Amino acid sequence: MQTRYDLKRYRTSKSPDLIKALKLYSENIEPSYRTDANEILFWIDNFEKRFGDLFIVCGLYLNDALIGYGQLAYFKEEKFVEVDYLVIDKNYRKNNAFYEFVDKIGDLLSEENIIFDYIICEVGCYFENREPTEASKTLIRLLKMSHFGVIKCSYYVPRLGKSNHESEMRAILMIYSNDDIKQIKKETYLMVINTLFYKYYQRWYADFFTEAERTEYKIDLDGLSEAIQKELSNKKVIDINGYHNLLPLNPTDFGEIKAKKGIKIITFITLFVCAIILFGGAAIYIKERWDLEFENQSAILLLSVLAASIITTIIFNNKSNLPSKLVEKLIDKI
């Protein structure tokens, strides 16, 4: 059977399949990342009328079956596209669907005559002092393989709605450009941040918040903006494609990681066996040399295993000591 991917834009809140697409979206995204579906329905009909910028909602189809949901915004004056959501049904994520999704969105932008300098994508990742989640790492890898780069600077996703406090978190902002840029000026980054914060998030909730809630939300946005500007105070340019050590760039890296884990396990077992032989031999030598009496040979074995376990665990778990570093270097050489 021939595989065919298609992308359909839902132009109004009454578009066929839109409710089905929103259901797919709601069922396949974590609550902390989720925007209220009723708000999405409202802005499909009103975003362009109200602000002049575009709000695009679309569905990805595989052989006429709906398998994905996409949500984007295009800011005409600033000339960049913001990819808000790319959601694929969990039953289709092992296929080539993600890359087809990205390609079809590129085709859609061309068909709609959308002229852009950049495509921006937020990846909500983690709270303070924590690494990105595995889902976020996977998305970043996939975007990198689709020629997006990581902007190496702090970014924060503003709170979604009135009470979804879990949604405000540290994040990674990714960027795509036709010329595969490696740096952007500080002013360009701040333009992107201000547009996202005040022409997207603040606009989005203006019709759903009371006056007091709008004021409070503006204060929150100002605080996040100030935190980002503070980090940029001594910078003129910002590097793109950071975090290489954390986020492999291509599929071969996954095989390399698995191979290194396998080597590390084999190394651990080898060291453990060697330690048992060493301590066991030492215990037998001491017994025979000084004629020490043990209840039986099992006591010698028990002490040897215990000593081997302690020493081997210390070597592998304490990354600050010399033996551990030597083992890590040995593994890297294999």
C-alpha atoms as a PDB file:
ATOM      1  CA  MET A   1       0.000   0.000   0.000  1.00  0.00           C
ATOM      2  CA  GLN A   2       1.348   3.416  -0.986  1.00  0.00           C
ATOM      3  CA  THR A   3       2.081   5.821   1.885  1.00  0.00           C
ATOM      4  CA  ARG A   4       0.769   9.338   1.347  1.00  0.00           C
ATOM      5  CA  TYR A   5       1.060  12.261   3.761  1.00  0.00           C
ATOM      6  CA  ASP A   6      -1.101  15.356   3.415  1.00  0.00           C
ATOM      7  CA  LEU A   7      -1.448  18.570   5.421  1.00  0.00           C
ATOM      8  CA  LYS A   8      -4.776  20.340   5.733  1.00  0.00           C
ATOM      9  CA  ARG A   9      -5.235  23.839   7.141  1.00  0.00           C
ATOM     10  CA  TYR A  10      -8.353  24.461   9.222  1.00  0.00           C
ATOM     11  CA  ARG A  11      -9.384  28.006   8.307  1.00  0.00           C
ATOM     12  CA  THR A  12     -12.373  28.463  10.605  1.00  0.00           C
ATOM     13  CA  SER A  13     -13.678  26.999  13.841  1.00  0.00           C
ATOM     14  CA  LYS A  14     -16.304  25.156  11.759  1.00  0.00           C
ATOM     15  CA  SER A  15     -13.775  23.352   9.551  1.00  0.00           C
ATOM     16  CA  PRO A  16     -14.396  19.598   9.155  1.00  0.00           C
ATOM     17  CA  ASP A  17     -12.121  17.438  11.307  1.00  0.00           C
ATOM     18  CA  LEU A  18     -10.993  20.375  13.496  1.00  0.00           C
ATOM     19  CA  ILE A  19     -12.695  19.053  16.625  1.00  0.00           C
ATOM     20  CA  LYS A  20     -11.190  15.642  15.937  1.00  0.00           C
ATOM     21  CA  ALA A  21      -7.762  17.270  15.546  1.00  0.00           C
ATOM     22  CA  LEU A  22      -8.147  19.142  18.837  1.00  0.00           C
ATOM     23  CA  LYS A  23      -9.101  15.887  20.543  1.00  0.00           C
ATOM     24  CA  LEU A  24      -5.934  14.263  19.161  1.00  0.00           C
ATOM     25  CA  TYR A  25      -3.943  17.264  20.408  1.00  0.00           C
ATOM     26  CA  SER A  26      -5.436  17.116  23.907  1.00  0.00           C
ATOM     27  CA  GLU A  27      -4.870  13.374  24.255  1.00  0.00           C
ATOM     28  CA  ASN A  28      -1.239  13.436  23.113  1.00  0.00           C
ATOM     29  CA  ILE A  29       0.273  16.386  24.975  1.00  0.00           C
ATOM     30  CA  GLU A  30       1.148  16.806  28.631  1.00  0.00           C
ATOM     31  CA  PRO A  31      -1.196  19.038  30.673  1.00  0.00           C
ATOM     32  CA  SER A  32       1.599  21.477  31.517  1.00  0.00           C
ATOM     33  CA  TYR A  33       2.077  22.224  27.785  1.00  0.00           C
ATOM     34  CA  ARG A  34      -1.590  22.302  26.827  1.00  0.00           C
ATOM     35  CA  THR A  35      -3.573  25.355  25.699  1.00  0.00           C
ATOM     36  CA  ASP A  36      -7.348  25.370  26.209  1.00  0.00           C
ATOM     37  CA  ALA A  37      -9.073  24.083  23.058  1.00  0.00           C
ATOM     38  CA  ASN A  38     -11.849  26.696  23.345  1.00  0.00           C
ATOM     39  CA  GLU A  39      -9.240  29.449  23.162  1.00  0.00           C
ATOM     40  CA  ILE A  40      -7.803  27.883  20.010  1.00  0.00           C
ATOM     41  CA  LEU A  41     -11.257  27.785  18.425  1.00  0.00           C
ATOM     42  CA  PHE A  42     -11.779  31.463  19.270  1.00  0.00           C
ATOM     43  CA  TRP A  43      -8.485  32.648  17.771  1.00  0.00           C
ATOM     44  CA  ILE A  44      -8.855  30.649  14.547  1.00  0.00           C
ATOM     45  CA  ASP A  45     -11.721  32.989  13.731  1.00  0.00           C
ATOM     46  CA  ASN A  46     -10.349  36.194  15.254  1.00  0.00           C
ATOM     47  CA  PHE A  47      -6.543  36.391  15.363  1.00  0.00           C
ATOM     48  CA  GLU A  48      -5.967  37.751  11.871  1.00  0.00           C
ATOM     49  CA  LYS A  49      -9.020  40.015  12.015  1.00  0.00           C
ATOM     50  CA  ARG A  50      -7.913  41.522  15.302  1.00  0.00           C
ATOM     51  CA  PHE A  51      -4.153  41.823  14.833  1.00  0.00           C
ATOM     52  CA  GLY A  52      -3.353  41.359  11.138  1.00  0.00           C
ATOM     53  CA  ASP A  53      -0.926  38.502  11.896  1.00  0.00           C
ATOM     54  CA  LEU A  54      -1.700  34.906  10.943  1.00  0.00           C
ATOM     55  CA  PHE A  55      -2.786  32.066  13.190  1.00  0.00           C
ATOM     56  CA  ILE A  56      -2.534  28.698  11.454  1.00  0.00           C
ATOM     57  CA  VAL A  57      -3.984  25.399  12.680  1.00  0.00           C
ATOM     58  CA  CYS A  58      -3.532  22.279  10.566  1.00  0.00           C
ATOM     59  CA  GLY A  59      -3.841  18.500  10.591  1.00  0.00           C
ATOM     60  CA  LEU A  60      -1.426  15.881   9.270  1.00  0.00           C
ATOM     61  CA  TYR A  61      -3.015  12.958   7.433  1.00  0.00           C
ATOM     62  CA  LEU A  62      -1.583   9.558   6.562  1.00  0.00           C
ATOM     63  CA  ASN A  63      -3.594   7.945   3.781  1.00  0.00           C
ATOM     64  CA  ASP A  64      -6.584  10.135   4.777  1.00  0.00           C
ATOM     65  CA  ALA A  65      -6.306   9.194   8.479  1.00  0.00           C
ATOM     66  CA  LEU A  66      -5.697  12.110  10.851  1.00  0.00           C
ATOM     67  CA  ILE A  67      -2.449  11.489  12.771  1.00  0.00           C
ATOM     68  CA  GLY A  68      -1.104  14.931  13.732  1.00  0.00           C
ATOM     69  CA  TYR A  69      -1.938  18.455  14.879  1.00  0.00           C
ATOM     70  CA  GLY A  70       0.043  21.620  14.130  1.00  0.00           C
ATOM     71  CA  GLN A  71      -0.330  25.195  15.397  1.00  0.00           C
ATOM     72  CA  LEU A  72       1.667  28.184  14.152  1.00  0.00           C
ATOM     73  CA  ALA A  73       1.655  31.968  14.211  1.00  0.00           C
ATOM     74  CA  TYR A  74       3.172  34.326  11.630  1.00  0.00           C
ATOM     75  CA  PHE A  75       4.183  37.849  12.592  1.00  0.00           C
ATOM     76  CA  LYS A  76       4.204  39.919   9.439  1.00  0.00           C
ATOM     77  CA  GLU A  77       6.179  42.937  10.642  1.00  0.00           C
ATOM     78  CA  GLU A  78       8.865  40.840  12.347  1.00  0.00           C
ATOM     79  CA  LYS A  79       8.890  38.270   9.524  1.00  0.00           C
ATOM     80  CA  PHE A  80       9.108  35.111  11.553  1.00  0.00           C
ATOM     81  CA  VAL A  81       6.954  32.039  12.095  1.00  0.00           C
ATOM     82  CA  GLU A  82       6.420  30.604  15.556  1.00  0.00           C
ATOM     83  CA  VAL A  83       5.735  26.865  15.720  1.00  0.00           C
ATOM     84  CA  ASP A  84       3.574  26.530  18.795  1.00  0.00           C
ATOM     85  CA  TYR A  85       2.666  22.834  18.616  1.00  0.00           C
ATOM     86  CA  LEU A  86       3.645  19.807  16.545  1.00  0.00           C
ATOM     87  CA  VAL A  87       1.728  16.875  17.990  1.00  0.00           C
ATOM     88  CA  ILE A  88       1.671  13.373  16.512  1.00  0.00           C
ATOM     89  CA  ASP A  89      -0.558  10.548  17.683  1.00  0.00           C
ATOM     90  CA  LYS A  90       1.508   8.165  19.818  1.00  0.00           C
ATOM     91  CA  ASN A  91       0.677   5.248  17.513  1.00  0.00           C
ATOM     92  CA  TYR A  92       2.510   6.911  14.602  1.00  0.00           C
ATOM     93  CA  ARG A  93       5.604   8.391  16.240  1.00  0.00           C
ATOM     94  CA  LYS A  94       7.908   5.529  15.245  1.00  0.00           C
ATOM     95  CA  ASN A  95       7.334   6.166  11.559  1.00  0.00           C
ATOM     96  CA  ASN A  96       8.704   8.991   9.401  1.00  0.00           C
ATOM     97  CA  ALA A  97       5.764  11.179  10.378  1.00  0.00           C
ATOM     98  CA  PHE A  98       7.727  13.958  12.096  1.00  0.00           C
ATOM     99  CA  TYR A  99       9.910  14.730   9.080  1.00  0.00           C
ATOM    100  CA  GLU A 100       6.919  14.548   6.764  1.00  0.00           C
ATOM    101  CA  PHE A 101       5.128  16.967   9.103  1.00  0.00           C
ATOM    102  CA  VAL A 102       7.995  19.472   8.956  1.00  0.00           C
ATOM    103  CA  ASP A 103       8.263  19.180   5.157  1.00  0.00           C
ATOM    104  CA  LYS A 104       4.520  19.656   4.682  1.00  0.00           C
ATOM    105  CA  ILE A 105       4.541  22.756   6.886  1.00  0.00           C
ATOM    106  CA  GLY A 106       7.311  24.160   4.689  1.00  0.00           C
ATOM    107  CA  ASP A 107       5.119  23.505   1.643  1.00  0.00           C
ATOM    108  CA  LEU A 108       2.159  25.189   3.349  1.00  0.00           C
ATOM    109  CA  LEU A 109       4.162  28.329   4.123  1.00  0.00           C
ATOM    110  CA  SER A 110       5.227  28.494   0.487  1.00  0.00           C
ATOM    111  CA  GLU A 111       1.670  27.972  -0.790  1.00  0.00           C
ATOM    112  CA  GLU A 112       0.386  30.715   1.537  1.00  0.00           C
ATOM    113  CA  ASN A 113       3.117  33.084   0.234  1.00  0.00           C
ATOM    114  CA  ILE A 114       4.470  33.587   3.748  1.00  0.00           C
ATOM    115  CA  ILE A 115       7.835  35.334   3.561  1.00  0.00           C
ATOM    116  CA  PHE A 116       9.906  34.725   6.671  1.00  0.00           C
ATOM    117  CA  ASP A 117      13.434  35.283   7.938  1.00  0.00           C
ATOM    118  CA  TYR A 118      13.202  32.727  10.736  1.00  0.00           C
ATOM    119  CA  ILE A 119      11.084  29.903  12.051  1.00  0.00           C
ATOM    120  CA  ILE A 120      11.082  29.763  15.846  1.00  0.00           C
ATOM    121  CA  CYS A 121      10.114  26.794  18.010  1.00  0.00           C
ATOM    122  CA  GLU A 122       9.767  26.709  21.789  1.00  0.00           C
ATOM    123  CA  VAL A 123      10.601  23.473  23.573  1.00  0.00           C
ATOM    124  CA  GLY A 124       9.347  23.644  27.147  1.00  0.00           C
ATOM    125  CA  CYS A 125      11.834  21.550  29.034  1.00  0.00           C
ATOM    126  CA  TYR A 126      12.425  21.723  32.708  1.00  0.00           C
ATOM    127  CA  PHE A 127      12.156  23.515  36.010  1.00  0.00           C
ATOM    128  CA  GLU A 128      15.059  25.154  37.850  1.00  0.00           C
ATOM    129  CA  ASN A 129      18.140  22.960  38.391  1.00  0.00           C
ATOM    130  CA  ARG A 130      16.766  20.072  36.339  1.00  0.00           C
ATOM    131  CA  GLU A 131      17.663  18.637  32.954  1.00  0.00           C
ATOM    132  CA  PRO A 132      15.193  18.597  30.061  1.00  0.00           C
ATOM    133  CA  THR A 133      12.763  15.685  30.058  1.00  0.00           C
ATOM    134  CA  GLU A 134      13.389  12.750  27.715  1.00  0.00           C
ATOM    135  CA  ALA A 135      10.443  13.881  25.549  1.00  0.00           C
ATOM    136  CA  SER A 136      11.977  17.355  25.239  1.00  0.00           C
ATOM    137  CA  LYS A 137      15.406  15.945  24.400  1.00  0.00           C
ATOM    138  CA  THR A 138      13.861  13.788  21.682  1.00  0.00           C
ATOM    139  CA  LEU A 139      12.011  16.757  20.168  1.00  0.00           C
ATOM    140  CA  ILE A 140      15.180  18.864  20.186  1.00  0.00           C
ATOM    141  CA  ARG A 141      17.101  16.085  18.416  1.00  0.00           C
ATOM    142  CA  LEU A 142      14.382  15.741  15.791  1.00  0.00           C
ATOM    143  CA  LEU A 143      14.317  19.496  15.194  1.00  0.00           C
ATOM    144  CA  LYS A 144      18.107  19.564  14.910  1.00  0.00           C
ATOM    145  CA  MET A 145      17.922  16.868  12.256  1.00  0.00           C
ATOM    146  CA  SER A 146      15.405  19.134  10.486  1.00  0.00           C
ATOM    147  CA  HIS A 147      18.059  21.915  10.429  1.00  0.00           C
ATOM    148  CA  PHE A 148      16.869  23.861  13.459  1.00  0.00           C
ATOM    149  CA  GLY A 149      19.525  25.201  15.802  1.00  0.00           C
ATOM    150  CA  VAL A 150      19.484  25.775  19.554  1.00  0.00           C
ATOM    151  CA  ILE A 151      19.771  29.427  20.578  1.00  0.00           C
ATOM    152  CA  LYS A 152      22.309  29.314  23.390  1.00  0.00           C
ATOM    153  CA  CYS A 153      20.602  31.674  25.783  1.00  0.00           C
ATOM    154  CA  SER A 154      18.040  31.417  28.554  1.00  0.00           C
ATOM    155  CA  TYR A 155      14.378  31.354  27.618  1.00  0.00           C
ATOM    156  CA  TYR A 156      11.201  30.942  29.668  1.00  0.00           C
ATOM    157  CA  VAL A 157       7.771  29.786  28.546  1.00  0.00           C
ATOM    158  CA  PRO A 158       5.146  32.109  30.050  1.00  0.00           C
ATOM    159  CA  ARG A 159       2.277  30.670  32.040  1.00  0.00           C
ATOM    160  CA  LEU A 160      -0.570  29.208  29.974  1.00  0.00           C
ATOM    161  CA  GLY A 161      -3.906  30.473  31.246  1.00  0.00           C
ATOM    162  CA  LYS A 162      -4.971  31.536  34.712  1.00  0.00           C
ATOM    163  CA  SER A 163      -4.093  28.548  36.835  1.00  0.00           C
ATOM    164  CA  ASN A 164      -1.688  26.317  34.890  1.00  0.00           C
ATOM    165  CA  HIS A 165       1.311  27.321  36.983  1.00  0.00           C
ATOM    166  CA  GLU A 166       3.241  24.200  35.951  1.00  0.00           C
ATOM    167  CA  SER A 167       3.418  25.578  32.402  1.00  0.00           C
ATOM    168  CA  GLU A 168       5.788  28.428  33.295  1.00  0.00           C
ATOM    169  CA  MET A 169       9.222  26.864  33.008  1.00  0.00           C
ATOM    170  CA  ARG A 170      12.682  27.171  31.581  1.00  0.00           C
ATOM    171  CA  ALA A 171      12.808  26.221  27.933  1.00  0.00           C
ATOM    172  CA  ILE A 172      14.977  26.019  24.854  1.00  0.00           C
ATOM    173  CA  LEU A 173      14.271  28.271  21.898  1.00  0.00           C
ATOM    174  CA  MET A 174      15.158  26.828  18.501  1.00  0.00           C
ATOM    175  CA  ILE A 175      15.575  28.661  15.214  1.00  0.00           C
ATOM    176  CA  TYR A 176      15.566  27.808  11.513  1.00  0.00           C
ATOM    177  CA  SER A 177      16.754  30.039   8.695  1.00  0.00           C
ATOM    178  CA  ASN A 178      17.386  29.374   5.036  1.00  0.00           C
ATOM    179  CA  ASP A 179      21.076  30.279   5.344  1.00  0.00           C
ATOM    180  CA  ASP A 180      21.763  28.067   8.375  1.00  0.00           C
ATOM    181  CA  ILE A 181      23.023  30.869  10.617  1.00  0.00           C
ATOM    182  CA  LYS A 182      25.407  30.157  13.506  1.00  0.00           C
ATOM    183  CA  GLN A 183      24.869  33.403  15.440  1.00  0.00           C
ATOM    184  CA  ILE A 184      22.251  36.088  15.870  1.00  0.00           C
ATOM    185  CA  LYS A 185      22.603  39.586  17.270  1.00  0.00           C
ATOM    186  CA  LYS A 186      21.316  40.332  20.728  1.00  0.00           C
ATOM    187  CA  GLU A 187      18.807  42.790  19.279  1.00  0.00           C
ATOM    188  CA  THR A 188      17.352  40.096  17.006  1.00  0.00           C
ATOM    189  CA  TYR A 189      16.887  37.722  19.918  1.00  0.00           C
ATOM    190  CA  LEU A 190      15.202  40.400  22.021  1.00  0.00           C
ATOM    191  CA  MET A 191      12.908  41.192  19.084  1.00  0.00           C
ATOM    192  CA  VAL A 192      11.851  37.542  18.972  1.00  0.00           C
ATOM    193  CA  ILE A 193      11.326  37.434  22.747  1.00  0.00           C
ATOM    194  CA  ASN A 194       9.286  40.651  22.850  1.00  0.00           C
ATOM    195  CA  THR A 195       7.149  39.484  19.932  1.00  0.00           C
ATOM    196  CA  LEU A 196       6.413  36.130  21.543  1.00  0.00           C
ATOM    197  CA  PHE A 197       5.704  37.590  24.958  1.00  0.00           C
ATOM    198  CA  TYR A 198       3.683  40.670  24.016  1.00  0.00           C
ATOM    199  CA  LYS A 199       2.277  39.985  20.538  1.00  0.00           C
ATOM    200  CA  TYR A 200       1.404  36.355  21.150  1.00  0.00           C
ATOM    201  CA  TYR A 201       1.020  35.372  24.812  1.00  0.00           C
ATOM    202  CA  GLN A 202      -0.295  38.732  26.045  1.00  0.00           C
ATOM    203  CA  ARG A 203      -2.625  39.106  23.079  1.00  0.00           C
ATOM    204  CA  TRP A 204      -3.826  35.532  23.437  1.00  0.00           C
ATOM    205  CA  TYR A 205      -5.181  35.933  26.972  1.00  0.00           C
ATOM    206  CA  ALA A 206      -6.479  39.505  26.665  1.00  0.00           C
ATOM    207  CA  ASP A 207     -10.015  38.287  25.906  1.00  0.00           C
ATOM    208  CA  PHE A 208     -10.033  35.623  28.629  1.00  0.00           C
ATOM    209  CA  PHE A 209      -8.585  37.554  31.596  1.00  0.00           C
ATOM    210  CA  THR A 210     -10.117  40.242  33.774  1.00  0.00           C
ATOM    211  CA  GLU A 211      -8.395  43.632  33.951  1.00  0.00           C
ATOM    212  CA  ALA A 212      -6.632  42.640  37.178  1.00  0.00           C
ATOM    213  CA  GLU A 213      -5.512  39.325  35.669  1.00  0.00           C
ATOM    214  CA  ARG A 214      -4.200  41.092  32.564  1.00  0.00           C
ATOM    215  CA  THR A 215      -2.159  43.452  34.741  1.00  0.00           C
ATOM    216  CA  GLU A 216      -0.737  40.566  36.764  1.00  0.00           C
ATOM    217  CA  TYR A 217       0.112  38.615  33.606  1.00  0.00           C
ATOM    218  CA  LYS A 218       1.897  41.655  32.130  1.00  0.00           C
ATOM    219  CA  ILE A 219       4.002  41.890  35.297  1.00  0.00           C
ATOM    220  CA  ASP A 220       4.914  38.208  34.936  1.00  0.00           C
ATOM    221  CA  LEU A 221       5.929  38.717  31.294  1.00  0.00           C
ATOM    222  CA  ASP A 222       8.019  41.760  32.213  1.00  0.00           C
ATOM    223  CA  GLY A 223       9.804  39.719  34.880  1.00  0.00           C
ATOM    224  CA  LEU A 224      10.693  36.939  32.437  1.00  0.00           C
ATOM    225  CA  SER A 225      11.852  39.483  29.851  1.00  0.00           C
ATOM    226  CA  GLU A 226      14.058  41.248  32.398  1.00  0.00           C
ATOM    227  CA  ALA A 227      15.649  37.942  33.441  1.00  0.00           C
ATOM    228  CA  ILE A 228      16.591  37.223  29.813  1.00  0.00           C
ATOM    229  CA  GLN A 229      17.884  40.771  29.219  1.00  0.00           C
ATOM    230  CA  LYS A 230      20.040  40.565  32.333  1.00  0.00           C
ATOM    231  CA  GLU A 231      21.853  37.515  30.953  1.00  0.00           C
ATOM    232  CA  LEU A 232      22.391  39.357  27.670  1.00  0.00           C
ATOM    233  CA  SER A 233      23.779  42.548  29.208  1.00  0.00           C
ATOM    234  CA  ASN A 234      27.392  41.810  28.234  1.00  0.00           C
ATOM    235  CA  LYS A 235      26.708  40.056  24.925  1.00  0.00           C
ATOM    236  CA  LYS A 236      26.586  41.390  21.385  1.00  0.00           C
ATOM    237  CA  VAL A 237      25.850  38.104  19.625  1.00  0.00           C
ATOM    238  CA  ILE A 238      24.353  34.770  20.685  1.00  0.00           C
ATOM    239  CA  ASP A 239      25.637  31.417  19.448  1.00  0.00           C
ATOM    240  CA  ILE A 240      23.338  28.886  17.814  1.00  0.00           C
ATOM    241  CA  ASN A 241      23.592  25.079  18.077  1.00  0.00           C
ATOM    242  CA  GLY A 242      24.688  24.818  21.694  1.00  0.00           C
ATOM    243  CA  TYR A 243      24.262  21.834  24.037  1.00  0.00           C
ATOM    244  CA  HIS A 244      26.004  19.386  21.688  1.00  0.00           C
ATOM    245  CA  ASN A 245      27.134  17.171  24.564  1.00  0.00           C
ATOM    246  CA  LEU A 246      23.592  16.885  25.908  1.00  0.00           C
ATOM    247  CA  LEU A 247      21.663  16.541  22.676  1.00  0.00           C
ATOM    248  CA  PRO A 248      23.053  14.280  19.907  1.00  0.00           C
ATOM    249  CA  LEU A 249      22.536  15.569  16.398  1.00  0.00           C
ATOM    250  CA  ASN A 250      21.814  12.445  14.396  1.00  0.00           C
ATOM    251  CA  PRO A 251      20.474   8.899  14.710  1.00  0.00           C
ATOM    252  CA  THR A 252      23.946   7.310  14.813  1.00  0.00           C
ATOM    253  CA  ASP A 253      24.495   8.997  18.175  1.00  0.00           C
ATOM    254  CA  PHE A 254      21.764   6.849  19.703  1.00  0.00           C
ATOM    255  CA  GLY A 255      23.586   3.688  18.651  1.00  0.00           C
ATOM    256  CA  GLU A 256      26.829   5.103  20.025  1.00  0.00           C
ATOM    257  CA  ILE A 257      25.194   5.824  23.391  1.00  0.00           C
ATOM    258  CA  LYS A 258      23.790   2.296  23.606  1.00  0.00           C
ATOM    259  CA  ALA A 259      27.172   0.827  22.624  1.00  0.00           C
ATOM    260  CA  LYS A 260      28.947   2.828  25.338  1.00  0.00           C
ATOM    261  CA  LYS A 261      26.421   1.682  27.918  1.00  0.00           C
ATOM    262  CA  GLY A 262      27.079  -1.922  26.897  1.00  0.00           C
ATOM    263  CA  ILE A 263      30.840  -1.415  27.119  1.00  0.00           C
ATOM    264  CA  LYS A 264      30.439   0.194  30.539  1.00  0.00           C
ATOM    265  CA  ILE A 265      28.459  -2.809  31.813  1.00  0.00           C
ATOM    266  CA  ILE A 266      31.089  -5.234  30.488  1.00  0.00           C
ATOM    267  CA  THR A 267      33.853  -3.123  32.050  1.00  0.00           C
ATOM    268  CA  PHE A 268      32.005  -3.095  35.382  1.00  0.00           C
ATOM    269  CA  ILE A 269      31.618  -6.895  35.345  1.00  0.00           C
ATOM    270  CA  THR A 270      35.290  -7.357  34.384  1.00  0.00           C
ATOM    271  CA  LEU A 271      36.481  -5.100  37.189  1.00  0.00           C
ATOM    272  CA  PHE A 272      34.155  -6.854  39.612  1.00  0.00           C
ATOM    273  CA  VAL A 273      35.508 -10.314  38.700  1.00  0.00           C
ATOM    274  CA  CYS A 274      39.100  -9.064  38.891  1.00  0.00           C
ATOM    275  CA  ALA A 275      38.404  -7.538  42.298  1.00  0.00           C
ATOM    276  CA  ILE A 276      36.931 -10.835  43.583  1.00  0.00           C
ATOM    277  CA  ILE A 277      40.010 -12.748  42.371  1.00  0.00           C
ATOM    278  CA  LEU A 278      42.335 -10.159  43.906  1.00  0.00           C
ATOM    279  CA  PHE A 279      40.648  -9.993  47.306  1.00  0.00           C
ATOM    280  CA  GLY A 280      39.941 -13.718  47.360  1.00  0.00           C
ATOM    281  CA  GLY A 281      43.582 -14.500  46.598  1.00  0.00           C
ATOM    282  CA  ALA A 282      44.747 -12.018  49.252  1.00  0.00           C
ATOM    283  CA  ALA A 283      42.424 -13.568  51.847  1.00  0.00           C
ATOM    284  CA  ILE A 284      43.635 -17.099  51.097  1.00  0.00           C
ATOM    285  CA  TYR A 285      47.265 -15.955  51.235  1.00  0.00           C
ATOM    286  CA  ILE A 286      46.701 -14.277  54.616  1.00  0.00           C
ATOM    287  CA  LYS A 287      44.967 -17.386  55.961  1.00  0.00           C
ATOM    288  CA  GLU A 288      47.812 -19.685  54.884  1.00  0.00           C
ATOM    289  CA  ARG A 289      50.649 -17.266  55.730  1.00  0.00           C
ATOM    290  CA  TRP A 290      49.536 -16.515  59.263  1.00  0.00           C
ATOM    291  CA  ASP A 291      47.421 -19.620  59.751  1.00  0.00           C
ATOM    292  CA  LEU A 292      44.300 -17.593  60.521  1.00  0.00           C
ATOM    293  CA  GLU A 293      41.203 -19.655  61.082  1.00  0.00           C
ATOM    294  CA  PHE A 294      37.915 -18.883  59.381  1.00  0.00           C
ATOM    295  CA  GLU A 295      34.770 -20.906  59.935  1.00  0.00           C
ATOM    296  CA  ASN A 296      34.853 -22.005  56.327  1.00  0.00           C
ATOM    297  CA  GLN A 297      35.854 -20.921  52.848  1.00  0.00           C
ATOM    298  CA  SER A 298      32.485 -19.195  52.348  1.00  0.00           C
ATOM    299  CA  ALA A 299      33.586 -16.450  54.760  1.00  0.00           C
ATOM    300  CA  ILE A 300      36.555 -15.691  52.494  1.00  0.00           C
ATOM    301  CA  LEU A 301      34.273 -15.569  49.452  1.00  0.00           C
ATOM    302  CA  LEU A 302      31.781 -13.321  51.245  1.00  0.00           C
ATOM    303  CA  LEU A 303      34.466 -10.849  52.281  1.00  0.00           C
ATOM    304  CA  SER A 304      35.918 -10.865  48.764  1.00  0.00           C
ATOM    305  CA  VAL A 305      32.544 -10.183  47.132  1.00  0.00           C
ATOM    306  CA  LEU A 306      31.777  -7.423  49.636  1.00  0.00           C
ATOM    307  CA  ALA A 307      35.133  -5.719  49.108  1.00  0.00           C
ATOM    308  CA  ALA A 308      34.883  -6.068  45.322  1.00  0.00           C
ATOM    309  CA  SER A 309      31.390  -4.562  45.325  1.00  0.00           C
ATOM    310  CA  ILE A 310      32.451  -1.569  47.405  1.00  0.00           C
ATOM    311  CA  ILE A 311      35.593  -0.803  45.385  1.00  0.00           C
ATOM    312  CA  THR A 312      33.949  -1.256  41.964  1.00  0.00           C
ATOM    313  CA  THR A 313      30.952   0.885  42.930  1.00  0.00           C
ATOM    314  CA  ILE A 314      33.211   3.671  44.208  1.00  0.00           C
ATOM    315  CA  ILE A 315      35.200   3.679  40.957  1.00  0.00           C
ATOM    316  CA  PHE A 316      32.090   3.976  38.774  1.00  0.00           C
ATOM    317  CA  ASN A 317      29.979   6.338  40.871  1.00  0.00           C
ATOM    318  CA  ASN A 318      32.533   8.873  42.082  1.00  0.00           C
ATOM    319  CA  LYS A 319      33.394  10.863  38.983  1.00  0.00           C
ATOM    320  CA  SER A 320      35.782  13.122  40.862  1.00  0.00           C
ATOM    321  CA  ASN A 321      38.372  10.476  41.706  1.00  0.00           C
ATOM    322  CA  LEU A 322      41.299   9.426  39.544  1.00  0.00           C
ATOM    323  CA  PRO A 323      40.374   5.727  39.080  1.00  0.00           C
ATOM    324  CA  SER A 324      36.926   6.697  37.804  1.00  0.00           C
ATOM    325  CA  LYS A 325      38.396   9.151  35.314  1.00  0.00           C
ATOM    326  CA  LEU A 326      40.861   6.541  34.084  1.00  0.00           C
ATOM    327  CA  VAL A 327      38.034   4.036  33.571  1.00  0.00           C
ATOM    328  CA  GLU A 328      35.961   6.630  31.662  1.00  0.00           C
ATOM    329  CA  LYS A 329      38.903   7.434  29.398  1.00  0.00           C
ATOM    330  CA  LEU A 330      39.481   3.719  28.816  1.00  0.00           C
ATOM    331  CA  ILE A 331      35.849   3.258  27.803  1.00  0.00           C
ATOM    332  CA  ASP A 332      36.045   6.244  25.429  1.00  0.00           C
ATOM    333  CA  LYS A 333      39.097   4.685  23.751  1.00  0.00           C
ATOM    334  CA  ILE A 334      37.334   1.384  23.112  1.00  0.00           C
END
